């Protein structure tokens, strides 16, 4: 029912910026809330940010507030994650995920992309 494809990852130096994109393909009229998660080597996957279907509600992990911005363009079926002031500890695989429920979209969403690598060097 839903496919998510991330892009925009890469290697940057500390203090730099990246913008991740997630294109969502769906074969249903159900509206999905979308989140970004990340997993660093040897660590558990963690929540980064989420945005509701209409784009008027967002949620961020405390460590990302003020540095990361999530947005969406429903006309393009795309969700973005603008990441500024990147730190080496932001190095991880970043996943786009979606769910029709807001609570699940921020915790255990049902639909996932394949991930995109972000590497921040000091």
N, C-alpha and C. Protein backbone atom coordinates (compact mmCIF):
# COMPACT_ATOMS: atom_id res chain seq x y z
N UNK A 1 0.81 -1.21 0.00
CA UNK A 1 0.00 0.00 0.00
C UNK A 1 0.85 1.26 0.00
N UNK A 2 2.02 1.17 0.57
CA UNK A 2 2.84 2.37 0.74
C UNK A 2 4.30 2.04 0.49
N UNK A 3 4.97 2.88 -0.30
CA UNK A 3 6.40 2.75 -0.51
C UNK A 3 7.08 4.08 -0.20
N UNK A 4 8.19 4.01 0.51
CA UNK A 4 8.93 5.20 0.88
C UNK A 4 10.36 5.07 0.38
N UNK A 5 10.85 6.10 -0.29
CA UNK A 5 12.20 6.08 -0.83
C UNK A 5 12.93 7.35 -0.39
N UNK A 6 14.00 7.15 0.39
CA UNK A 6 14.79 8.27 0.89
C UNK A 6 15.92 8.62 -0.06
N UNK A 7 16.36 9.85 -0.01
CA UNK A 7 17.53 10.30 -0.74
C UNK A 7 18.10 11.52 -0.04
N UNK A 8 19.30 11.92 -0.44
CA UNK A 8 19.89 13.13 0.09
C UNK A 8 20.98 12.93 1.12
N UNK A 9 21.21 11.68 1.50
CA UNK A 9 22.29 11.43 2.45
C UNK A 9 23.65 11.66 1.81
N UNK A 10 24.67 11.67 2.66
CA UNK A 10 26.02 11.86 2.15
C UNK A 10 26.98 12.14 3.28
N UNK A 11 28.15 12.62 2.91
CA UNK A 11 29.21 12.92 3.88
C UNK A 11 29.42 14.42 3.94
N UNK A 12 29.42 14.96 5.16
CA UNK A 12 29.65 16.39 5.36
C UNK A 12 30.55 16.59 6.56
N UNK A 13 31.11 17.77 6.68
CA UNK A 13 31.90 18.10 7.85
C UNK A 13 31.01 18.66 8.94
N UNK A 14 31.48 18.58 10.15
CA UNK A 14 30.74 19.13 11.28
C UNK A 14 30.41 20.59 11.03
N UNK A 15 29.18 20.96 11.38
CA UNK A 15 28.71 22.31 11.13
C UNK A 15 27.99 22.47 9.81
N UNK A 16 28.09 21.47 8.96
CA UNK A 16 27.45 21.53 7.65
C UNK A 16 25.98 21.17 7.70
N UNK A 17 25.38 21.14 6.50
CA UNK A 17 23.95 20.89 6.38
C UNK A 17 23.67 19.84 5.31
N UNK A 18 22.56 19.16 5.48
CA UNK A 18 22.04 18.24 4.48
C UNK A 18 20.53 18.32 4.49
N UNK A 19 19.91 18.05 3.36
CA UNK A 19 18.46 17.92 3.31
C UNK A 19 18.09 16.55 2.77
N UNK A 20 17.42 15.80 3.59
CA UNK A 20 16.94 14.48 3.19
C UNK A 20 15.53 14.60 2.61
N UNK A 21 15.26 13.75 1.63
CA UNK A 21 13.93 13.71 1.02
C UNK A 21 13.37 12.31 1.12
N UNK A 22 12.07 12.23 1.24
CA UNK A 22 11.38 10.94 1.29
C UNK A 22 10.17 11.05 0.36
N UNK A 23 10.23 10.30 -0.74
CA UNK A 23 9.11 10.28 -1.67
C UNK A 23 8.20 9.12 -1.30
N UNK A 24 6.93 9.41 -1.16
CA UNK A 24 5.95 8.42 -0.69
C UNK A 24 5.00 8.06 -1.82
N UNK A 25 4.97 6.80 -2.14
CA UNK A 25 4.04 6.30 -3.16
C UNK A 25 2.97 5.48 -2.46
N UNK A 26 1.71 5.80 -2.72
CA UNK A 26 0.65 5.06 -2.04
C UNK A 26 -0.47 4.72 -3.00
N UNK A 27 -1.09 3.60 -2.72
CA UNK A 27 -2.21 3.12 -3.54
C UNK A 27 -3.49 3.09 -2.72
N UNK A 28 -3.58 4.06 -1.81
CA UNK A 28 -4.75 4.12 -0.96
C UNK A 28 -5.06 5.57 -0.66
N UNK A 29 -6.29 5.83 -0.29
CA UNK A 29 -6.66 7.19 0.06
C UNK A 29 -6.38 7.50 1.52
N UNK A 30 -5.92 6.47 2.25
CA UNK A 30 -5.61 6.70 3.66
C UNK A 30 -4.49 7.72 3.77
N UNK A 31 -4.63 8.65 4.68
CA UNK A 31 -3.61 9.67 4.88
C UNK A 31 -2.61 9.21 5.93
N UNK A 32 -1.35 9.44 5.64
CA UNK A 32 -0.28 8.96 6.51
C UNK A 32 0.50 10.10 7.15
N UNK A 33 0.76 9.94 8.42
CA UNK A 33 1.69 10.82 9.11
C UNK A 33 3.08 10.24 8.90
N UNK A 34 4.11 11.10 8.86
CA UNK A 34 5.43 10.64 8.47
C UNK A 34 6.49 11.07 9.47
N UNK A 35 7.41 10.17 9.72
CA UNK A 35 8.48 10.47 10.65
C UNK A 35 9.84 10.11 10.09
N UNK A 36 10.87 10.67 10.69
CA UNK A 36 12.25 10.29 10.42
C UNK A 36 12.82 9.66 11.68
N UNK A 37 13.54 8.57 11.47
CA UNK A 37 14.24 7.89 12.54
C UNK A 37 15.68 7.70 12.09
N UNK A 38 16.55 7.37 13.04
CA UNK A 38 17.94 7.12 12.66
C UNK A 38 18.52 6.01 13.52
N UNK A 39 19.52 5.35 12.97
CA UNK A 39 20.21 4.30 13.71
C UNK A 39 21.70 4.42 13.48
N UNK A 40 22.41 4.67 14.55
CA UNK A 40 23.86 4.76 14.50
C UNK A 40 24.46 3.38 14.75
N UNK A 41 25.70 3.16 14.31
CA UNK A 41 26.32 1.85 14.52
C UNK A 41 26.35 1.46 15.99
N UNK A 42 25.89 0.27 16.28
CA UNK A 42 25.91 -0.22 17.64
C UNK A 42 24.85 0.34 18.56
N UNK A 43 23.95 1.15 18.00
CA UNK A 43 22.90 1.76 18.83
C UNK A 43 21.52 1.38 18.30
N UNK A 44 20.53 1.57 19.15
CA UNK A 44 19.17 1.30 18.75
C UNK A 44 18.63 2.43 17.86
N UNK A 45 17.66 2.09 17.07
CA UNK A 45 17.02 3.10 16.24
C UNK A 45 16.31 4.11 17.14
N UNK A 46 16.40 5.40 16.79
CA UNK A 46 15.78 6.42 17.61
C UNK A 46 14.95 7.37 16.75
N UNK A 47 13.96 7.95 17.39
CA UNK A 47 13.08 8.92 16.76
C UNK A 47 13.81 10.23 16.53
N UNK A 48 13.58 10.85 15.38
CA UNK A 48 14.19 12.13 15.06
C UNK A 48 13.12 13.24 15.01
N UNK A 49 12.15 13.05 14.14
CA UNK A 49 11.11 14.08 13.95
C UNK A 49 9.92 13.45 13.23
N UNK A 50 8.77 14.09 13.35
CA UNK A 50 7.57 13.62 12.66
C UNK A 50 6.70 14.81 12.28
N UNK A 51 5.88 14.59 11.27
CA UNK A 51 4.97 15.62 10.80
C UNK A 51 3.65 14.96 10.44
N UNK A 52 2.55 15.62 10.77
CA UNK A 52 1.26 15.02 10.48
C UNK A 52 0.89 15.20 9.01
N UNK A 53 -0.22 14.58 8.61
CA UNK A 53 -0.58 14.57 7.20
C UNK A 53 -0.70 15.98 6.62
N UNK A 54 -1.36 16.85 7.34
CA UNK A 54 -1.61 18.19 6.80
C UNK A 54 -0.41 19.12 6.93
N UNK A 55 0.58 18.72 7.73
CA UNK A 55 1.78 19.53 7.86
C UNK A 55 1.70 20.61 8.92
N UNK A 56 0.63 20.65 9.69
CA UNK A 56 0.51 21.73 10.68
C UNK A 56 0.89 21.30 12.09
N UNK A 57 1.33 20.07 12.23
CA UNK A 57 1.80 19.58 13.53
C UNK A 57 3.12 18.85 13.34
N UNK A 58 4.11 19.20 14.14
CA UNK A 58 5.41 18.54 14.09
C UNK A 58 5.85 18.15 15.49
N UNK A 59 6.77 17.21 15.52
CA UNK A 59 7.33 16.77 16.80
C UNK A 59 8.79 16.45 16.56
N UNK A 60 9.64 16.81 17.53
CA UNK A 60 11.07 16.59 17.41
C UNK A 60 11.62 15.92 18.67
N UNK A 61 12.66 15.13 18.47
CA UNK A 61 13.43 14.66 19.61
C UNK A 61 14.16 15.87 20.19
N UNK A 62 14.36 15.88 21.48
CA UNK A 62 14.94 17.04 22.15
C UNK A 62 16.30 17.42 21.57
N UNK A 63 17.10 16.44 21.23
CA UNK A 63 18.46 16.72 20.76
C UNK A 63 18.48 17.32 19.35
N UNK A 64 17.35 17.26 18.64
CA UNK A 64 17.30 17.79 17.28
C UNK A 64 16.61 19.15 17.20
N UNK A 65 15.95 19.54 18.27
CA UNK A 65 15.22 20.81 18.23
C UNK A 65 16.16 21.96 17.96
N UNK A 66 15.76 22.82 17.03
CA UNK A 66 16.56 23.98 16.68
C UNK A 66 17.59 23.72 15.60
N UNK A 67 17.89 22.46 15.34
CA UNK A 67 18.86 22.12 14.29
C UNK A 67 18.19 21.46 13.09
N UNK A 68 17.18 20.64 13.35
CA UNK A 68 16.50 19.90 12.28
C UNK A 68 15.11 20.48 12.06
N UNK A 69 14.67 20.46 10.81
CA UNK A 69 13.32 20.92 10.47
C UNK A 69 12.68 19.91 9.53
N UNK A 70 11.50 19.43 9.92
CA UNK A 70 10.76 18.52 9.07
C UNK A 70 9.65 19.30 8.36
N UNK A 71 9.42 18.96 7.11
CA UNK A 71 8.37 19.61 6.33
C UNK A 71 7.86 18.64 5.29
N UNK A 72 6.75 19.01 4.64
CA UNK A 72 6.22 18.12 3.61
C UNK A 72 5.56 18.93 2.52
N UNK A 73 5.56 18.36 1.33
CA UNK A 73 4.88 18.93 0.19
C UNK A 73 3.99 17.82 -0.37
N UNK A 74 2.72 17.86 -0.02
CA UNK A 74 1.82 16.78 -0.41
C UNK A 74 1.57 16.76 -1.93
N UNK A 75 1.75 17.89 -2.58
CA UNK A 75 1.59 17.90 -4.03
C UNK A 75 2.68 17.08 -4.71
N UNK A 76 3.83 16.99 -4.04
CA UNK A 76 4.95 16.19 -4.55
C UNK A 76 5.09 14.86 -3.84
N UNK A 77 4.18 14.60 -2.88
CA UNK A 77 4.25 13.37 -2.08
C UNK A 77 5.62 13.19 -1.45
N UNK A 78 6.16 14.28 -0.94
CA UNK A 78 7.53 14.27 -0.42
C UNK A 78 7.59 14.90 0.96
N UNK A 79 8.35 14.25 1.83
CA UNK A 79 8.64 14.78 3.16
C UNK A 79 10.14 15.06 3.23
N UNK A 80 10.50 16.17 3.85
CA UNK A 80 11.89 16.61 3.92
C UNK A 80 12.37 16.66 5.36
N UNK A 81 13.67 16.50 5.52
CA UNK A 81 14.32 16.73 6.80
C UNK A 81 15.54 17.61 6.54
N UNK A 82 15.43 18.87 6.90
CA UNK A 82 16.55 19.79 6.79
C UNK A 82 17.39 19.69 8.04
N UNK A 83 18.66 19.37 7.88
CA UNK A 83 19.54 19.17 9.02
C UNK A 83 20.67 20.20 8.96
N UNK A 84 20.74 21.05 9.96
CA UNK A 84 21.76 22.09 10.04
C UNK A 84 22.65 21.85 11.25
N UNK A 85 23.79 22.52 11.25
CA UNK A 85 24.73 22.41 12.39
C UNK A 85 24.99 20.96 12.75
N UNK A 86 25.29 20.17 11.75
CA UNK A 86 25.47 18.74 11.97
C UNK A 86 26.69 18.45 12.83
N UNK A 87 26.57 17.41 13.63
CA UNK A 87 27.63 16.99 14.54
C UNK A 87 28.04 15.57 14.20
N UNK A 88 29.25 15.17 14.57
CA UNK A 88 29.67 13.78 14.31
C UNK A 88 28.71 12.76 14.90
N UNK A 89 28.09 13.09 16.02
CA UNK A 89 27.15 12.15 16.64
C UNK A 89 25.84 12.03 15.87
N UNK A 90 25.66 12.85 14.83
CA UNK A 90 24.48 12.70 13.96
C UNK A 90 24.71 11.62 12.90
N UNK A 91 25.91 11.09 12.84
CA UNK A 91 26.21 10.03 11.88
C UNK A 91 25.33 8.82 12.14
N UNK A 92 24.61 8.40 11.10
CA UNK A 92 23.66 7.29 11.24
C UNK A 92 23.02 7.01 9.89
N UNK A 93 22.28 5.92 9.85
CA UNK A 93 21.38 5.68 8.72
C UNK A 93 20.05 6.32 9.10
N UNK A 94 19.53 7.14 8.21
CA UNK A 94 18.28 7.85 8.47
C UNK A 94 17.16 7.18 7.66
N UNK A 95 16.09 6.88 8.37
CA UNK A 95 14.95 6.20 7.77
C UNK A 95 13.72 7.08 7.78
N UNK A 96 13.00 7.03 6.69
CA UNK A 96 11.69 7.64 6.61
C UNK A 96 10.66 6.57 6.93
N UNK A 97 9.63 6.92 7.68
CA UNK A 97 8.61 5.95 8.05
C UNK A 97 7.25 6.63 8.10
N UNK A 98 6.19 5.83 7.97
CA UNK A 98 4.86 6.41 7.94
C UNK A 98 3.84 5.48 8.59
N UNK A 99 2.76 6.09 9.06
CA UNK A 99 1.68 5.34 9.67
C UNK A 99 0.42 6.20 9.66
N UNK A 100 -0.76 5.59 9.55
CA UNK A 100 -1.99 6.38 9.59
C UNK A 100 -2.29 6.93 10.98
N UNK A 101 -1.68 6.38 12.00
CA UNK A 101 -1.88 6.87 13.36
C UNK A 101 -0.74 7.77 13.79
N UNK A 102 -1.07 8.91 14.40
CA UNK A 102 -0.02 9.86 14.78
C UNK A 102 0.90 9.27 15.85
N UNK A 103 0.32 8.63 16.85
CA UNK A 103 1.16 8.09 17.91
C UNK A 103 2.12 7.05 17.37
N UNK A 104 1.62 6.17 16.52
CA UNK A 104 2.49 5.14 15.95
C UNK A 104 3.53 5.74 15.01
N UNK A 105 3.18 6.81 14.33
CA UNK A 105 4.13 7.45 13.41
C UNK A 105 5.35 7.98 14.16
N UNK A 106 5.20 8.29 15.42
CA UNK A 106 6.31 8.82 16.22
C UNK A 106 7.00 7.75 17.06
N UNK A 107 6.51 6.53 17.01
CA UNK A 107 7.09 5.48 17.85
C UNK A 107 7.41 4.22 17.07
N UNK A 108 6.39 3.54 16.55
CA UNK A 108 6.57 2.27 15.85
C UNK A 108 5.75 2.26 14.56
N UNK A 109 6.13 3.06 13.59
CA UNK A 109 5.36 3.11 12.34
C UNK A 109 5.40 1.79 11.59
N UNK A 110 4.38 1.55 10.79
CA UNK A 110 4.27 0.29 10.08
C UNK A 110 5.03 0.25 8.76
N UNK A 111 5.29 1.41 8.17
CA UNK A 111 5.89 1.44 6.84
C UNK A 111 7.23 2.16 6.90
N UNK A 112 8.24 1.56 6.26
CA UNK A 112 9.61 2.08 6.34
C UNK A 112 10.26 2.15 4.98
N UNK A 113 11.14 3.13 4.82
CA UNK A 113 12.00 3.18 3.66
C UNK A 113 13.25 2.36 3.90
N UNK A 114 14.14 2.37 2.93
CA UNK A 114 15.35 1.55 3.02
C UNK A 114 16.49 2.24 3.75
N UNK A 115 16.36 3.54 3.95
CA UNK A 115 17.36 4.28 4.69
C UNK A 115 18.38 4.97 3.79
N UNK A 116 18.97 6.03 4.31
CA UNK A 116 20.03 6.75 3.61
C UNK A 116 21.11 7.11 4.62
N UNK A 117 22.36 6.91 4.23
CA UNK A 117 23.48 7.10 5.15
C UNK A 117 23.86 8.58 5.25
N UNK A 118 24.04 9.04 6.47
CA UNK A 118 24.56 10.37 6.75
C UNK A 118 25.83 10.21 7.58
N UNK A 119 26.92 10.78 7.11
CA UNK A 119 28.19 10.70 7.81
C UNK A 119 28.73 12.11 8.04
N UNK A 120 28.98 12.44 9.30
CA UNK A 120 29.47 13.76 9.67
C UNK A 120 30.87 13.61 10.25
N UNK A 121 31.84 14.24 9.64
CA UNK A 121 33.21 14.14 10.11
C UNK A 121 33.59 15.38 10.92
N UNK A 122 34.50 15.17 11.85
CA UNK A 122 34.91 16.29 12.72
C UNK A 122 36.07 17.06 12.11
